[in-house]
Protein backbone atom coordinates (compact mmCIF):
# COMPACT_ATOMS: atom_id res chain seq x y z
CA MET A 1 73.65 2.14 28.68
CA GLY A 2 72.09 4.48 31.17
CA ASN A 3 70.70 7.92 30.40
CA VAL A 4 74.03 9.74 30.65
CA ASN A 5 76.79 7.19 31.09
CA ILE A 6 77.45 3.56 30.34
CA GLU A 7 76.39 2.37 33.79
CA CYS A 8 72.75 1.77 34.65
CA PHE A 9 70.69 -0.13 37.18
CA ARG A 10 69.74 -2.90 34.72
CA THR A 11 73.09 -4.64 35.18
CA TYR A 12 72.55 -4.86 38.93
CA GLU A 13 68.91 -5.89 38.53
CA ALA A 14 70.01 -8.76 36.31
CA LEU A 15 72.63 -9.84 38.85
CA GLU A 16 70.09 -9.64 41.69
CA CYS A 17 67.72 -11.88 39.70
CA GLY A 18 70.42 -14.45 39.01
CA ALA A 19 70.55 -13.60 35.31
CA ILE A 20 73.75 -13.16 33.30
CA PRO A 21 74.06 -9.54 32.19
CA ILE A 22 76.14 -8.66 29.15
CA VAL A 23 77.88 -5.32 29.44
CA GLU A 24 79.49 -3.09 26.85
CA LYS A 25 83.11 -2.04 26.79
CA ARG A 26 83.90 1.18 24.97
CA TRP A 27 87.09 2.04 23.14
CA GLY A 28 89.43 3.27 25.86
CA LEU A 29 86.94 2.53 28.64
CA ASP A 30 86.30 -0.87 30.20
CA TYR A 31 83.88 0.76 32.62
CA TYR A 32 82.65 -2.28 34.52
CA ARG A 33 86.16 -3.72 34.97
CA THR A 34 87.30 -0.36 36.35
CA LEU A 35 84.24 -0.11 38.61
CA LEU A 36 83.87 -3.71 39.78
CA GLY A 37 87.35 -5.16 39.34
CA GLU A 38 87.75 -8.66 37.96
CA HIS A 39 84.31 -10.11 37.29
CA PRO A 40 82.80 -12.97 35.27
CA ILE A 41 80.22 -10.80 33.47
CA PRO A 42 80.48 -11.19 29.69
CA THR A 43 81.88 -7.91 28.35
CA VAL A 44 81.62 -7.04 24.66
CA GLY A 45 82.88 -4.33 22.35
CA SER A 46 79.82 -4.52 20.10
CA TRP A 47 76.32 -5.91 20.25
CA SER A 48 77.06 -8.25 17.34
CA GLU A 49 79.70 -9.78 19.61
CA ALA A 50 77.00 -10.15 22.29
CA ARG A 51 74.80 -11.98 19.78
CA ARG A 52 77.62 -14.45 19.10
CA ILE A 53 78.10 -15.05 22.84
CA ILE A 54 74.37 -15.66 23.35
CA ARG A 55 74.12 -18.07 20.40
CA SER A 56 77.15 -19.99 21.64
CA ALA A 57 75.76 -20.16 25.17
CA MET A 58 72.40 -21.42 23.90
CA ARG A 59 74.18 -24.39 22.28
CA ASN A 60 75.96 -25.35 25.51
CA GLY A 61 73.67 -25.65 28.53
CA ASP A 62 76.45 -26.76 30.88
CA GLU A 63 78.54 -23.71 29.99
CA ILE A 64 75.69 -21.26 30.54
CA ASN A 65 74.85 -22.89 33.88
CA ARG A 66 78.51 -22.64 34.94
CA LEU A 67 78.64 -18.97 33.95
CA GLN A 68 75.39 -18.24 35.77
CA ARG A 69 76.70 -19.89 38.96
CA GLU A 70 79.97 -17.96 38.63
CA CYS A 71 78.08 -14.65 38.26
CA ILE A 72 75.80 -15.41 41.22
CA ASP A 73 78.70 -16.39 43.50
CA TRP A 74 80.82 -13.43 42.40
CA TRP A 75 77.94 -10.95 42.93
CA GLU A 76 77.18 -12.24 46.44
CA GLY A 77 80.85 -11.90 47.39
CA TYR A 78 81.13 -8.48 45.77
CA LYS A 79 78.16 -7.12 47.73
CA ARG A 80 79.62 -8.37 51.02
CA SER A 81 83.01 -6.87 50.19
CA TYR A 82 81.47 -3.58 49.07
CA SER A 83 79.44 -3.16 52.25
CA HIS A 84 82.65 -3.59 54.28
CA ARG A 85 84.45 -1.02 52.09
CA VAL A 86 81.62 1.51 52.55
CA ALA A 87 81.62 1.02 56.32
CA GLU A 88 85.40 1.45 56.41
CA PHE A 89 85.21 4.58 54.25
CA LEU A 90 82.56 6.15 56.48
CA ALA A 91 84.52 5.30 59.63
CA ASN A 92 87.66 6.88 58.15
CA ARG A 93 85.73 10.03 57.14
CA ALA A 94 84.25 10.28 60.62
CA ARG A 95 87.69 9.97 62.23
CA ALA A 96 89.18 12.57 59.86
CA GLY A 97 86.46 15.11 60.67
CA SER A 98 86.36 18.44 58.86
CA SER A 99 90.06 18.29 57.95
CA SER A 100 89.48 15.47 55.47
CA GLU A 101 90.10 15.90 51.75
CA PRO A 102 87.18 16.98 49.56
CA MET A 103 85.40 14.13 47.80
CA VAL A 104 85.86 15.29 44.20
CA SER A 105 87.98 13.99 41.38
CA LYS A 106 91.52 15.30 41.20
CA TYR A 107 90.84 15.97 37.51
CA GLU A 108 87.78 18.17 38.15
CA SER A 109 89.76 21.41 37.76
CA ILE A 110 91.20 20.51 34.33
CA PRO A 111 89.38 22.51 31.61
CA GLY A 112 87.29 20.22 29.42
CA TRP A 113 87.60 17.24 31.77
CA ARG A 114 83.84 16.88 32.26
CA VAL A 115 83.20 16.91 28.52
CA PHE A 116 85.97 14.35 27.94
CA GLU A 117 84.65 12.12 30.72
CA LEU A 118 81.10 12.30 29.37
CA ALA A 119 82.34 11.48 25.85
CA ARG A 120 84.16 8.37 27.13
CA HIS A 121 80.84 6.97 28.33
CA HIS A 122 79.19 7.20 24.92
CA ASN A 123 79.62 5.23 21.74
CA ALA A 124 79.82 7.23 18.50
CA SER A 125 76.08 7.00 17.82
CA ALA A 126 75.03 8.12 21.33
CA LEU A 127 77.62 10.89 21.32
CA GLY A 128 76.32 12.17 17.97
CA ARG A 129 72.72 12.19 19.26
CA ARG A 130 73.72 14.04 22.43
CA ALA A 131 75.77 16.62 20.50
CA GLY A 132 72.85 17.14 18.09
CA LEU A 133 70.40 17.72 20.93
CA HIS A 134 72.69 20.26 22.58
CA ALA A 135 73.39 22.03 19.28
CA ALA A 136 69.66 22.26 18.53
CA ARG A 137 68.99 23.70 21.99
CA LEU A 138 71.79 26.26 21.65
CA LEU A 139 70.60 27.26 18.17
CA LYS A 140 67.05 27.70 19.46
CA GLU A 141 68.28 29.87 22.34
CA GLY A 142 70.48 31.89 19.96
CA LYS A 143 73.65 30.93 21.82
CA LEU A 144 75.19 28.91 19.00
CA LEU A 145 76.02 30.75 15.80
CA ILE A 146 76.84 28.95 12.62
CA GLY A 147 79.35 31.01 10.65
CA TYR A 148 80.75 34.46 11.34
CA ARG A 149 78.47 37.47 11.58
CA PRO A 150 80.26 40.82 11.88
CA GLY A 151 79.27 42.91 14.87
CA VAL A 152 77.60 40.01 16.71
CA LYS A 153 79.07 39.33 20.11
CA VAL A 154 79.22 35.64 21.09
CA ASP A 155 78.76 34.86 24.80
């Protein structure tokens, strides 16, 4: 996972090098399928599942070579397709001019949406670490109070 969300550059580095990345799928979020569409990249729900995939692949050289070729071919096609989509998007934005729609999520105005979206990108362990860091910072700054203290106004 990246620093804040599930996506990071390592997946793309691996694809650029011709390696077979293994990506994680979270409960309720198959991030890479949503982002990239149908792809041949092995996607796992746990790292123990990834270990099983790797051990199986190591026993079958033909299968791992086939998967590597499939990933390489898919990635080359995806990059070509993506560059066309970006060019089309930019051309459409240029034609629309200043009257075009803002480029923000339609969910952005829903209270709590950002927190929910951030939580979807974390597994339970990472979410607990992040919550602990924020709680410690708020406690240190005196902005998080544990328990009720009469006469103390909470911002």
